[in-house]
Amino acid sequence: MLKDITIGQYFPGKSPVHRLDPRFKIIITAVFIVMLFSADNFLGLAAGCAFLIISFLISEIPLRLMMKSIKPIVPIILFTTILNLFFLDGVTLFKLGFIKVTYEGLETSAFMIVRIIALIMGSSLLTYTTSPITLTDAIERLLAPLGRLKFPVHELAMMMTIALRFIPTIIEETDRIMSAQKARGADMESGGLLQRAKALTPILIPLFVSAFRRAEELALAMECRCYHGGDGRTRLKELKSKSADYIAMGISLIFLDLVILLNIIFG
């Protein structure tokens, strides 16, 4: 399961989505999220999913990576499905003891499943097609107006990117520690919930020690390279918007307008 978590990973490519300005990609992702949560019927949600499918096809991201981004949230999807399926009142489809499945619960469950999956996949597309360094520059440029209010924009963007960058590293470290503990005879899969929680102690302690050690090494490396924040720093590559960026933004806004229109007509 740990190997299936792809949050924060970047997959190099030369697709049109990879070449888009990262600032526009962040804004388009935000528009897509608004698109999903503003949809209040299946037609509006289908329009948002169509935008996601088109984006994935253009990005040339393999289907297996899409599936990997979904696997870690399967428990959340199941929990949400159970809550909506069995605890919403409405027209009863069938009843078994105290368990009652309603038409409204089934409809709401299907709607929420599609929305959650589309949300995760759309957010993952941003990190799949944007390197952490480029993402840092984009966040810093978008938040630049807050710098006039003495807001530490550069430091915030740096912290966000470092955290995103080290997610795959920590996942890999966790998997390595678990394998080492299992090789020493640790049992992490049997017993009750309390016993499984106690079995995580030999994993969490080395993981925290490793994380703090990596943080200290990173801080020392930054100090050795005379890093003192964003004051006076220049960039190797300046971000420049192109016509393709505005076209992509326009298409995302058209899909958002389509979702709102479908809400008005069929809402």
Protein backbone atom coordinates (compact mmCIF):
# COMPACT_ATOMS: atom_id res chain seq x y z
CA MET A 1 0.00 0.00 0.00
CA LEU A 2 2.80 2.42 0.85
CA LYS A 3 4.35 1.96 -2.57
CA ASP A 4 1.05 2.99 -4.16
CA ILE A 5 1.14 6.46 -2.60
CA THR A 6 2.25 8.87 -5.33
CA ILE A 7 1.64 12.20 -3.58
CA GLY A 8 4.43 14.66 -4.29
CA GLN A 9 6.02 12.58 -7.07
CA TYR A 10 6.98 14.20 -10.36
CA PHE A 11 7.02 12.26 -13.62
CA PRO A 12 9.05 14.04 -16.33
CA GLY A 13 7.51 14.45 -19.73
CA LYS A 14 7.15 16.74 -22.72
CA SER A 15 3.38 16.83 -23.02
CA PRO A 16 1.46 20.13 -23.43
CA VAL A 17 0.41 19.89 -19.77
CA HIS A 18 4.04 19.55 -18.65
CA ARG A 19 4.95 22.65 -20.66
CA LEU A 20 2.24 24.85 -19.18
CA ASP A 21 3.22 27.68 -16.86
CA PRO A 22 3.03 26.24 -13.31
CA ARG A 23 1.20 29.36 -12.11
CA PHE A 24 -1.58 28.65 -14.57
CA LYS A 25 -1.61 24.98 -13.59
CA ILE A 26 -2.17 25.88 -9.93
CA ILE A 27 -5.01 28.26 -10.86
CA ILE A 28 -6.56 25.71 -13.24
CA THR A 29 -6.41 23.08 -10.47
CA ALA A 30 -8.23 25.50 -8.16
CA VAL A 31 -10.84 26.12 -10.89
CA PHE A 32 -11.25 22.35 -11.27
CA ILE A 33 -11.85 21.93 -7.53
CA VAL A 34 -14.48 24.69 -7.64
CA MET A 35 -15.95 22.91 -10.67
CA LEU A 36 -16.36 19.66 -8.72
CA PHE A 37 -17.85 21.18 -5.59
CA SER A 38 -20.20 23.52 -7.46
CA ALA A 39 -21.74 20.59 -9.38
CA ASP A 40 -25.01 19.53 -7.75
CA ASN A 41 -26.14 16.95 -10.32
CA PHE A 42 -24.58 14.10 -12.28
CA LEU A 43 -24.50 16.06 -15.55
CA GLY A 44 -22.45 18.84 -13.95
CA LEU A 45 -20.16 16.27 -12.35
CA ALA A 46 -19.82 14.52 -15.71
CA ALA A 47 -18.67 17.81 -17.26
CA GLY A 48 -15.98 18.15 -14.59
CA CYS A 49 -14.89 14.53 -15.12
CA ALA A 50 -14.73 15.14 -18.88
CA PHE A 51 -12.33 18.02 -18.24
CA LEU A 52 -10.21 15.73 -16.04
CA ILE A 53 -10.13 12.92 -18.63
CA ILE A 54 -9.12 15.33 -21.40
CA SER A 55 -6.35 16.75 -19.18
CA PHE A 56 -4.99 13.27 -18.38
CA LEU A 57 -5.04 12.24 -22.03
CA ILE A 58 -3.14 15.37 -23.04
CA SER A 59 -0.64 14.95 -20.17
CA GLU A 60 0.23 11.41 -21.35
CA ILE A 61 0.29 10.16 -17.75
CA PRO A 62 -0.05 6.33 -17.73
CA LEU A 63 -3.31 4.85 -16.48
CA ARG A 64 -1.50 2.80 -13.81
CA LEU A 65 -0.36 6.02 -12.11
CA MET A 66 -3.95 7.23 -12.01
CA MET A 67 -4.94 4.02 -10.29
CA LYS A 68 -2.06 4.32 -7.81
CA SER A 69 -3.28 7.75 -6.74
CA ILE A 70 -6.70 6.25 -5.93
CA LYS A 71 -5.62 3.15 -3.95
CA PRO A 72 -4.64 4.98 -0.70
CA ILE A 73 -8.08 6.62 -0.43
CA VAL A 74 -10.09 3.40 -0.84
CA PRO A 75 -10.83 3.24 2.96
CA ILE A 76 -12.13 6.82 2.86
CA ILE A 77 -14.31 6.01 -0.15
CA LEU A 78 -15.73 2.91 1.58
CA PHE A 79 -16.44 4.81 4.80
CA THR A 80 -18.18 7.63 2.91
CA THR A 81 -20.19 5.11 0.87
CA ILE A 82 -21.41 3.28 3.99
CA LEU A 83 -22.45 6.52 5.70
CA ASN A 84 -24.44 7.73 2.70
CA LEU A 85 -25.81 4.34 1.68
CA PHE A 86 -27.25 3.18 5.00
CA PHE A 87 -27.99 6.37 6.92
CA LEU A 88 -29.90 8.56 4.45
CA ASP A 89 -33.67 8.54 4.52
CA GLY A 90 -35.75 8.25 1.36
CA VAL A 91 -37.39 5.73 -0.91
CA THR A 92 -36.46 2.26 0.39
CA LEU A 93 -34.97 -0.10 -2.20
CA PHE A 94 -34.54 -3.05 0.14
CA LYS A 95 -34.35 -3.67 3.88
CA LEU A 96 -32.49 -6.36 5.81
CA GLY A 97 -33.07 -6.14 9.53
CA PHE A 98 -32.02 -2.71 10.74
CA ILE A 99 -30.06 -2.09 7.52
CA LYS A 100 -32.04 -0.04 5.01
CA VAL A 101 -30.80 1.03 1.57
CA THR A 102 -32.59 3.99 0.02
CA TYR A 103 -32.56 5.38 -3.49
CA GLU A 104 -31.33 8.76 -2.18
CA GLY A 105 -28.52 7.03 -0.28
CA LEU A 106 -27.44 5.08 -3.34
CA GLU A 107 -27.49 8.19 -5.51
CA THR A 108 -25.57 10.27 -2.97
CA SER A 109 -22.98 7.51 -2.48
CA ALA A 110 -22.31 7.24 -6.21
CA PHE A 111 -22.08 11.04 -6.49
CA MET A 112 -19.62 11.34 -3.59
CA ILE A 113 -17.44 8.46 -4.84
CA VAL A 114 -17.04 10.05 -8.26
CA ARG A 115 -16.36 13.48 -6.73
CA ILE A 116 -13.66 12.19 -4.31
CA ILE A 117 -11.90 10.15 -7.01
CA ALA A 118 -11.94 13.07 -9.46
CA LEU A 119 -10.65 15.43 -6.75
CA ILE A 120 -7.68 13.20 -5.90
CA MET A 121 -6.81 12.50 -9.52
CA GLY A 122 -7.05 16.16 -10.52
CA SER A 123 -4.85 17.26 -7.62
CA SER A 124 -2.34 14.50 -8.39
CA LEU A 125 -2.08 15.68 -11.98
CA LEU A 126 -0.52 18.93 -10.74
CA THR A 127 2.35 17.17 -8.95
CA TYR A 128 2.72 14.55 -11.71
CA THR A 129 3.45 17.25 -14.30
CA THR A 130 5.25 19.91 -12.21
CA SER A 131 8.67 19.60 -10.58
CA PRO A 132 8.99 20.70 -6.93
CA ILE A 133 11.38 23.54 -7.79
CA THR A 134 9.05 24.91 -10.45
CA LEU A 135 6.12 24.53 -8.09
CA THR A 136 8.00 26.58 -5.47
CA ASP A 137 8.58 29.42 -7.93
CA ALA A 138 4.94 29.35 -9.00
CA ILE A 139 3.59 29.49 -5.43
CA GLU A 140 6.00 32.29 -4.58
CA ARG A 141 4.99 34.31 -7.64
CA LEU A 142 1.28 33.83 -6.97
CA LEU A 143 1.65 34.90 -3.34
CA ALA A 144 4.01 37.79 -4.16
CA PRO A 145 1.38 40.52 -3.43
CA LEU A 146 1.29 39.35 0.20
CA GLY A 147 4.98 40.27 0.46
CA ARG A 148 3.99 43.93 0.70
CA LEU A 149 2.24 43.07 3.96
CA LYS A 150 5.51 41.61 5.34
CA PHE A 151 4.23 38.08 4.79
CA PRO A 152 7.11 35.54 4.46
CA VAL A 153 6.09 34.39 0.97
CA HIS A 154 9.39 32.80 -0.02
CA GLU A 155 9.76 30.92 3.25
CA LEU A 156 6.18 29.62 3.04
CA ALA A 157 6.64 28.42 -0.54
CA MET A 158 9.93 26.77 0.41
CA MET A 159 8.38 24.94 3.37
CA MET A 160 5.44 23.71 1.29
CA THR A 161 7.71 22.41 -1.44
CA ILE A 162 10.14 20.72 0.94
CA ALA A 163 7.23 18.99 2.69
CA LEU A 164 5.83 17.87 -0.67
CA ARG A 165 9.23 16.73 -1.87
CA PHE A 166 9.92 14.57 1.20
CA ILE A 167 6.59 12.73 1.21
CA PRO A 168 7.89 10.00 -1.18
CA THR A 169 11.15 9.83 0.81
CA ILE A 170 9.35 9.31 4.12
CA ILE A 171 7.04 6.72 2.55
CA GLU A 172 10.06 4.83 1.23
CA GLU A 173 11.76 5.07 4.63
CA THR A 174 8.61 3.77 6.36
CA ASP A 175 8.41 0.81 4.01
CA ARG A 176 12.09 0.01 4.63
CA ILE A 177 11.67 0.16 8.42
CA MET A 178 8.57 -2.07 8.29
CA SER A 179 10.42 -4.64 6.20
CA ALA A 180 13.34 -4.60 8.64
CA GLN A 181 11.05 -5.03 11.66
CA LYS A 182 9.17 -7.89 9.99
CA ALA A 183 12.50 -9.59 9.23
CA ARG A 184 13.23 -9.42 12.97
CA GLY A 185 9.97 -11.20 13.76
CA ALA A 186 7.68 -8.23 14.45
CA ASP A 187 3.98 -9.06 14.01
CA MET A 188 2.01 -6.05 12.72
CA GLU A 189 -0.98 -7.70 11.09
CA SER A 190 -2.53 -9.92 13.78
CA GLY A 191 -4.33 -9.07 16.99
CA GLY A 192 -6.85 -6.37 17.84
CA LEU A 193 -6.74 -2.66 17.12
CA LEU A 194 -4.85 -1.87 20.33
CA GLN A 195 -2.22 -4.53 19.65
CA ARG A 196 -1.69 -3.26 16.11
CA ALA A 197 -1.30 0.28 17.45
CA LYS A 198 1.37 -0.91 19.91
CA ALA A 199 3.12 -2.78 17.08
CA LEU A 200 3.61 0.55 15.29
CA THR A 201 5.92 1.84 18.05
CA PRO A 202 9.04 0.11 16.61
CA ILE A 203 8.24 1.83 13.31
CA LEU A 204 7.36 5.33 14.48
CA ILE A 205 10.40 5.87 16.69
CA PRO A 206 13.03 5.10 13.99
CA LEU A 207 10.92 7.03 11.47
CA PHE A 208 10.88 10.17 13.63
CA VAL A 209 14.62 9.85 14.29
CA SER A 210 15.29 9.50 10.57
CA ALA A 211 13.02 12.45 9.72
CA PHE A 212 14.72 14.75 12.26
CA ARG A 213 18.15 13.64 11.01
CA ARG A 214 17.18 14.43 7.42
CA ALA A 215 15.82 17.82 8.50
CA GLU A 216 19.08 18.65 10.30
CA GLU A 217 21.17 17.56 7.31
CA LEU A 218 19.03 19.66 4.97
CA ALA A 219 19.34 22.71 7.25
CA LEU A 220 23.14 22.33 7.42
CA ALA A 221 23.34 21.93 3.64
CA MET A 222 21.30 25.11 3.11
CA GLU A 223 23.47 27.04 5.56
CA CYS A 224 26.66 25.80 3.85
CA ARG A 225 25.28 27.16 0.57
CA CYS A 226 24.67 30.55 2.25
CA TYR A 227 20.89 30.34 2.09
CA HIS A 228 19.34 33.31 3.90
CA GLY A 229 15.81 33.44 2.59
CA GLY A 230 14.42 35.04 -0.53
CA ASP A 231 15.98 38.49 -0.27
CA GLY A 232 18.10 39.24 -3.30
CA ARG A 233 17.75 35.76 -4.77
CA THR A 234 17.56 35.29 -8.52
CA ARG A 235 16.07 32.43 -10.51
CA LEU A 236 17.76 30.17 -13.01
CA LYS A 237 14.57 30.06 -15.11
CA GLU A 238 12.11 32.93 -15.15
CA LEU A 239 8.46 31.99 -15.50
CA LYS A 240 6.93 33.33 -18.71
CA SER A 241 3.34 32.82 -19.76
CA LYS A 242 2.53 31.81 -23.33
CA SER A 243 -0.59 31.71 -25.47
CA ALA A 244 -1.10 28.02 -24.59
CA ASP A 245 -1.43 28.98 -20.93
CA TYR A 246 -4.25 31.42 -21.64
CA ILE A 247 -5.96 28.89 -23.91
CA ALA A 248 -5.85 26.24 -21.16
CA MET A 249 -7.20 28.76 -18.65
CA GLY A 250 -9.98 29.70 -21.04
CA ILE A 251 -10.96 26.05 -21.57
CA SER A 252 -11.12 25.44 -17.81
CA LEU A 253 -13.36 28.50 -17.36
CA ILE A 254 -15.61 27.28 -20.20
CA PHE A 255 -16.04 23.94 -18.41
CA LEU A 256 -16.76 25.78 -15.15
CA ASP A 257 -19.43 27.87 -16.91
CA LEU A 258 -20.85 24.64 -18.37
CA VAL A 259 -21.14 23.10 -14.89
CA ILE A 260 -22.89 26.22 -13.57
CA LEU A 261 -25.23 26.21 -16.57
CA LEU A 262 -26.12 22.56 -16.03
CA ASN A 263 -26.81 23.33 -12.38
CA ILE A 264 -29.23 26.08 -13.38
CA ILE A 265 -31.02 23.99 -16.01
CA PHE A 266 -31.24 20.68 -14.15
CA GLY A 267 -30.83 21.84 -10.56
